[in-house]
Amino acid sequence: MPRGLILGIARAFRRKRPSSLDILSPKRAPRGYYKGKNCKPTGFHTRKGGYVVLQEKLPNYVVPDLTDFKLKPYVSQCPIGVNASEASQTAK
């Protein structure tokens, strides 16, 4: 087969991404678009360049009291050797 025919078939099967599925960036978006880093805003910008933080927009974490808790917060990367027969018996 001629080389040009093979290249033409290859070009026909090459898939191009449609323009509607392009990655949206600030260069391709409308003028006021800001992509951000996938986090919620915690306030707003003022006219003079400042930033006002709103307390109701800040995350509020509720942590229980763990004073007499038996388990430790650390999980070792190198666990103590466990026999496979013991592990299978406890799983049943």
N, C-alpha and C. Protein backbone atom coordinates (compact mmCIF):
# COMPACT_ATOMS: atom_id res chain seq x y z
N MET A 1 0.84 -1.18 0.00
CA MET A 1 0.00 0.00 0.00
C MET A 1 0.88 1.25 0.00
N PRO A 2 0.45 2.25 -0.66
CA PRO A 2 1.22 3.48 -0.62
C PRO A 2 1.16 4.11 0.78
N ARG A 3 2.25 4.78 1.08
CA ARG A 3 2.39 5.36 2.42
C ARG A 3 1.33 6.45 2.67
N GLY A 4 0.97 7.20 1.66
CA GLY A 4 -0.02 8.26 1.81
C GLY A 4 -1.39 7.73 2.19
N LEU A 5 -1.76 6.56 1.63
CA LEU A 5 -3.05 5.96 1.96
C LEU A 5 -3.09 5.55 3.42
N ILE A 6 -1.99 4.98 3.92
CA ILE A 6 -1.92 4.56 5.32
C ILE A 6 -2.02 5.78 6.24
N LEU A 7 -1.32 6.86 5.88
CA LEU A 7 -1.39 8.07 6.70
C LEU A 7 -2.79 8.68 6.68
N GLY A 8 -3.46 8.60 5.53
CA GLY A 8 -4.82 9.13 5.45
C GLY A 8 -5.79 8.36 6.32
N ILE A 9 -5.65 7.04 6.34
CA ILE A 9 -6.52 6.22 7.20
C ILE A 9 -6.22 6.52 8.67
N ALA A 10 -4.94 6.68 9.01
CA ALA A 10 -4.57 6.97 10.39
C ALA A 10 -5.14 8.32 10.82
N ARG A 11 -5.13 9.31 9.94
CA ARG A 11 -5.69 10.62 10.27
C ARG A 11 -7.20 10.53 10.46
N ALA A 12 -7.86 9.67 9.71
CA ALA A 12 -9.31 9.54 9.84
C ALA A 12 -9.69 8.92 11.18
N PHE A 13 -8.86 8.02 11.68
CA PHE A 13 -9.18 7.36 12.94
C PHE A 13 -8.66 8.11 14.16
N ARG A 14 -7.86 9.13 13.94
CA ARG A 14 -7.35 9.92 15.06
C ARG A 14 -8.49 10.69 15.67
N ARG A 15 -8.65 10.58 16.98
CA ARG A 15 -9.77 11.24 17.65
C ARG A 15 -9.30 12.57 18.21
N LYS A 16 -10.05 13.59 17.88
CA LYS A 16 -9.77 14.91 18.43
C LYS A 16 -10.84 15.24 19.46
N ARG A 17 -10.45 15.96 20.48
CA ARG A 17 -11.39 16.36 21.51
C ARG A 17 -12.27 17.49 20.99
N PRO A 18 -13.58 17.35 21.11
CA PRO A 18 -14.45 18.44 20.68
C PRO A 18 -14.20 19.69 21.54
N SER A 19 -14.42 20.85 20.97
CA SER A 19 -14.12 22.09 21.68
C SER A 19 -14.97 22.24 22.93
N SER A 20 -16.16 21.64 22.98
CA SER A 20 -17.00 21.77 24.16
C SER A 20 -16.45 20.98 25.35
N LEU A 21 -15.59 20.01 25.09
CA LEU A 21 -15.03 19.20 26.18
C LEU A 21 -13.62 19.62 26.54
N ASP A 22 -13.13 20.74 26.02
CA ASP A 22 -11.80 21.21 26.39
C ASP A 22 -11.76 21.54 27.87
N ILE A 23 -10.57 21.48 28.42
CA ILE A 23 -10.40 21.83 29.82
C ILE A 23 -10.63 23.32 29.96
N LEU A 24 -11.50 23.69 30.89
CA LEU A 24 -11.84 25.09 31.07
C LEU A 24 -10.76 25.79 31.88
N SER A 25 -10.16 26.79 31.32
CA SER A 25 -9.14 27.57 32.01
C SER A 25 -9.54 29.04 31.95
N PRO A 26 -8.93 29.88 32.78
CA PRO A 26 -9.29 31.30 32.75
C PRO A 26 -9.02 31.96 31.39
N LYS A 27 -8.11 31.40 30.60
CA LYS A 27 -7.85 31.99 29.29
C LYS A 27 -8.99 31.71 28.30
N ARG A 28 -9.70 30.61 28.47
CA ARG A 28 -10.78 30.25 27.55
C ARG A 28 -12.16 30.63 28.09
N ALA A 29 -12.23 31.07 29.34
CA ALA A 29 -13.51 31.34 29.99
C ALA A 29 -13.89 32.81 29.84
N PRO A 30 -15.08 33.18 30.31
CA PRO A 30 -15.47 34.59 30.29
C PRO A 30 -14.53 35.45 31.14
N ARG A 31 -14.68 36.76 31.02
CA ARG A 31 -13.71 37.69 31.58
C ARG A 31 -13.55 37.59 33.10
N GLY A 32 -14.63 37.44 33.83
CA GLY A 32 -14.55 37.44 35.30
C GLY A 32 -14.38 36.06 35.90
N TYR A 33 -14.10 35.05 35.10
CA TYR A 33 -14.04 33.68 35.60
C TYR A 33 -12.75 33.44 36.38
N TYR A 34 -12.87 32.82 37.56
CA TYR A 34 -11.72 32.43 38.37
C TYR A 34 -11.89 30.97 38.72
N LYS A 35 -10.97 30.13 38.28
CA LYS A 35 -11.12 28.69 38.44
C LYS A 35 -10.97 28.26 39.89
N GLY A 36 -9.95 28.73 40.58
CA GLY A 36 -9.76 28.36 41.98
C GLY A 36 -9.19 26.98 42.12
N LYS A 37 -9.16 26.50 43.34
CA LYS A 37 -8.59 25.19 43.68
C LYS A 37 -9.62 24.27 44.32
N ASN A 38 -10.87 24.39 43.91
CA ASN A 38 -11.94 23.51 44.36
C ASN A 38 -12.20 23.63 45.86
N CYS A 39 -12.17 24.85 46.38
CA CYS A 39 -12.49 25.05 47.79
C CYS A 39 -13.52 26.18 47.89
N LYS A 40 -14.26 26.18 48.97
CA LYS A 40 -15.32 27.16 49.17
C LYS A 40 -14.73 28.49 49.62
N PRO A 41 -15.28 29.60 49.16
CA PRO A 41 -14.79 30.90 49.64
C PRO A 41 -15.22 31.12 51.09
N THR A 42 -14.34 31.74 51.88
CA THR A 42 -14.64 31.99 53.30
C THR A 42 -15.02 33.43 53.55
N GLY A 43 -15.13 34.24 52.53
CA GLY A 43 -15.49 35.64 52.71
C GLY A 43 -15.65 36.32 51.37
N PHE A 44 -15.31 37.63 51.33
CA PHE A 44 -15.43 38.37 50.08
C PHE A 44 -14.37 39.45 50.02
N HIS A 45 -14.08 39.92 48.81
CA HIS A 45 -13.11 40.98 48.58
C HIS A 45 -13.82 42.33 48.69
N THR A 46 -13.12 43.30 49.28
CA THR A 46 -13.67 44.65 49.38
C THR A 46 -13.24 45.47 48.17
N ARG A 47 -13.80 46.65 48.04
CA ARG A 47 -13.46 47.52 46.91
C ARG A 47 -12.02 48.02 46.97
N LYS A 48 -11.49 48.13 48.17
CA LYS A 48 -10.14 48.69 48.33
C LYS A 48 -9.06 47.61 48.37
N GLY A 49 -9.40 46.38 48.03
CA GLY A 49 -8.39 45.32 47.94
C GLY A 49 -8.26 44.47 49.19
N GLY A 50 -9.09 44.68 50.17
CA GLY A 50 -9.04 43.87 51.39
C GLY A 50 -9.87 42.61 51.25
N TYR A 51 -9.87 41.82 52.30
CA TYR A 51 -10.66 40.58 52.31
C TYR A 51 -11.33 40.46 53.66
N VAL A 52 -12.63 40.23 53.67
CA VAL A 52 -13.40 40.10 54.90
C VAL A 52 -13.77 38.63 55.07
N VAL A 53 -13.35 38.03 56.21
CA VAL A 53 -13.66 36.63 56.50
C VAL A 53 -14.97 36.59 57.28
N LEU A 54 -15.91 35.76 56.81
CA LEU A 54 -17.19 35.59 57.48
C LEU A 54 -17.16 34.33 58.33
N GLN A 55 -17.52 34.46 59.62
CA GLN A 55 -17.45 33.32 60.54
C GLN A 55 -18.41 32.20 60.13
N GLU A 56 -19.55 32.55 59.56
CA GLU A 56 -20.52 31.51 59.19
C GLU A 56 -20.06 30.69 57.99
N LYS A 57 -19.05 31.18 57.25
CA LYS A 57 -18.53 30.42 56.11
C LYS A 57 -17.31 29.58 56.47
N LEU A 58 -16.76 29.75 57.68
CA LEU A 58 -15.61 28.95 58.11
C LEU A 58 -16.06 27.56 58.51
N PRO A 59 -15.25 26.52 58.23
CA PRO A 59 -15.64 25.16 58.64
C PRO A 59 -15.62 25.02 60.15
N ASN A 60 -16.60 24.31 60.68
CA ASN A 60 -16.72 24.08 62.12
C ASN A 60 -16.61 22.58 62.36
N TYR A 61 -15.51 22.14 62.96
CA TYR A 61 -15.28 20.72 63.20
C TYR A 61 -15.70 20.37 64.63
N VAL A 62 -16.55 19.36 64.77
CA VAL A 62 -16.98 18.89 66.08
C VAL A 62 -16.18 17.64 66.40
N VAL A 63 -15.32 17.74 67.43
CA VAL A 63 -14.44 16.63 67.80
C VAL A 63 -14.88 16.10 69.15
N PRO A 64 -15.13 14.79 69.28
CA PRO A 64 -15.55 14.25 70.58
C PRO A 64 -14.37 14.19 71.56
N ASP A 65 -14.69 14.08 72.85
CA ASP A 65 -13.68 13.99 73.89
C ASP A 65 -13.12 12.56 73.90
N LEU A 66 -11.81 12.40 73.69
CA LEU A 66 -11.18 11.09 73.59
C LEU A 66 -10.19 10.85 74.73
N THR A 67 -10.50 11.31 75.94
CA THR A 67 -9.53 11.21 77.04
C THR A 67 -9.30 9.76 77.46
N ASP A 68 -10.33 8.95 77.65
CA ASP A 68 -10.16 7.55 78.09
C ASP A 68 -10.44 6.57 76.97
N PHE A 69 -9.98 6.89 75.78
CA PHE A 69 -10.21 6.04 74.61
C PHE A 69 -9.09 5.02 74.52
N LYS A 70 -9.42 3.74 74.27
CA LYS A 70 -8.42 2.67 74.27
C LYS A 70 -7.52 2.67 73.05
N LEU A 71 -8.06 2.99 71.89
CA LEU A 71 -7.27 2.91 70.67
C LEU A 71 -6.36 4.11 70.52
N LYS A 72 -5.25 3.90 69.80
CA LYS A 72 -4.29 4.97 69.55
C LYS A 72 -4.55 5.57 68.17
N PRO A 73 -4.20 6.83 67.93
CA PRO A 73 -4.45 7.44 66.62
C PRO A 73 -3.47 7.04 65.55
N TYR A 74 -2.40 6.32 65.90
CA TYR A 74 -1.36 5.98 64.94
C TYR A 74 -1.53 4.54 64.48
N VAL A 75 -1.40 4.31 63.18
CA VAL A 75 -1.42 2.96 62.61
C VAL A 75 -0.05 2.70 62.03
N SER A 76 0.60 1.65 62.48
CA SER A 76 1.97 1.36 62.08
C SER A 76 2.04 0.91 60.62
N GLN A 77 3.11 1.32 59.93
CA GLN A 77 3.34 0.88 58.56
C GLN A 77 3.89 -0.55 58.53
N CYS A 78 4.52 -0.99 59.63
CA CYS A 78 5.12 -2.32 59.72
C CYS A 78 4.40 -3.10 60.81
N PRO A 79 3.29 -3.76 60.47
CA PRO A 79 2.55 -4.48 61.51
C PRO A 79 3.32 -5.71 61.98
N ILE A 80 3.00 -6.14 63.19
CA ILE A 80 3.62 -7.34 63.74
C ILE A 80 3.16 -8.54 62.92
N GLY A 81 4.06 -9.50 62.71
CA GLY A 81 3.71 -10.67 61.90
C GLY A 81 2.52 -11.43 62.46
N VAL A 82 1.55 -11.73 61.62
CA VAL A 82 0.34 -12.45 62.01
C VAL A 82 0.28 -13.71 61.17
N ASN A 83 -0.01 -14.83 61.81
CA ASN A 83 -0.15 -16.08 61.07
C ASN A 83 -1.42 -16.05 60.23
N ALA A 84 -1.34 -16.59 59.03
CA ALA A 84 -2.50 -16.59 58.14
C ALA A 84 -3.62 -17.45 58.70
N SER A 85 -3.30 -18.53 59.43
CA SER A 85 -4.34 -19.39 59.98
C SER A 85 -5.12 -18.67 61.07
N GLU A 86 -4.44 -17.84 61.89
CA GLU A 86 -5.13 -17.09 62.93
C GLU A 86 -6.04 -16.03 62.31
N ALA A 87 -5.58 -15.38 61.26
CA ALA A 87 -6.38 -14.35 60.60
C ALA A 87 -7.60 -14.93 59.95
N SER A 88 -7.50 -16.11 59.37
CA SER A 88 -8.67 -16.72 58.72
C SER A 88 -9.68 -17.21 59.74
N GLN A 89 -9.22 -17.63 60.91
CA GLN A 89 -10.15 -18.08 61.96
C GLN A 89 -10.93 -16.91 62.54
N THR A 90 -10.27 -15.76 62.69
CA THR A 90 -10.98 -14.61 63.24
C THR A 90 -11.95 -14.01 62.24
N ALA A 91 -11.71 -14.21 60.93
CA ALA A 91 -12.60 -13.66 59.91
C ALA A 91 -13.89 -14.44 59.81
N LYS A 92 -13.89 -15.71 60.23
CA LYS A 92 -15.10 -16.55 60.09
C LYS A 92 -16.13 -16.23 61.09
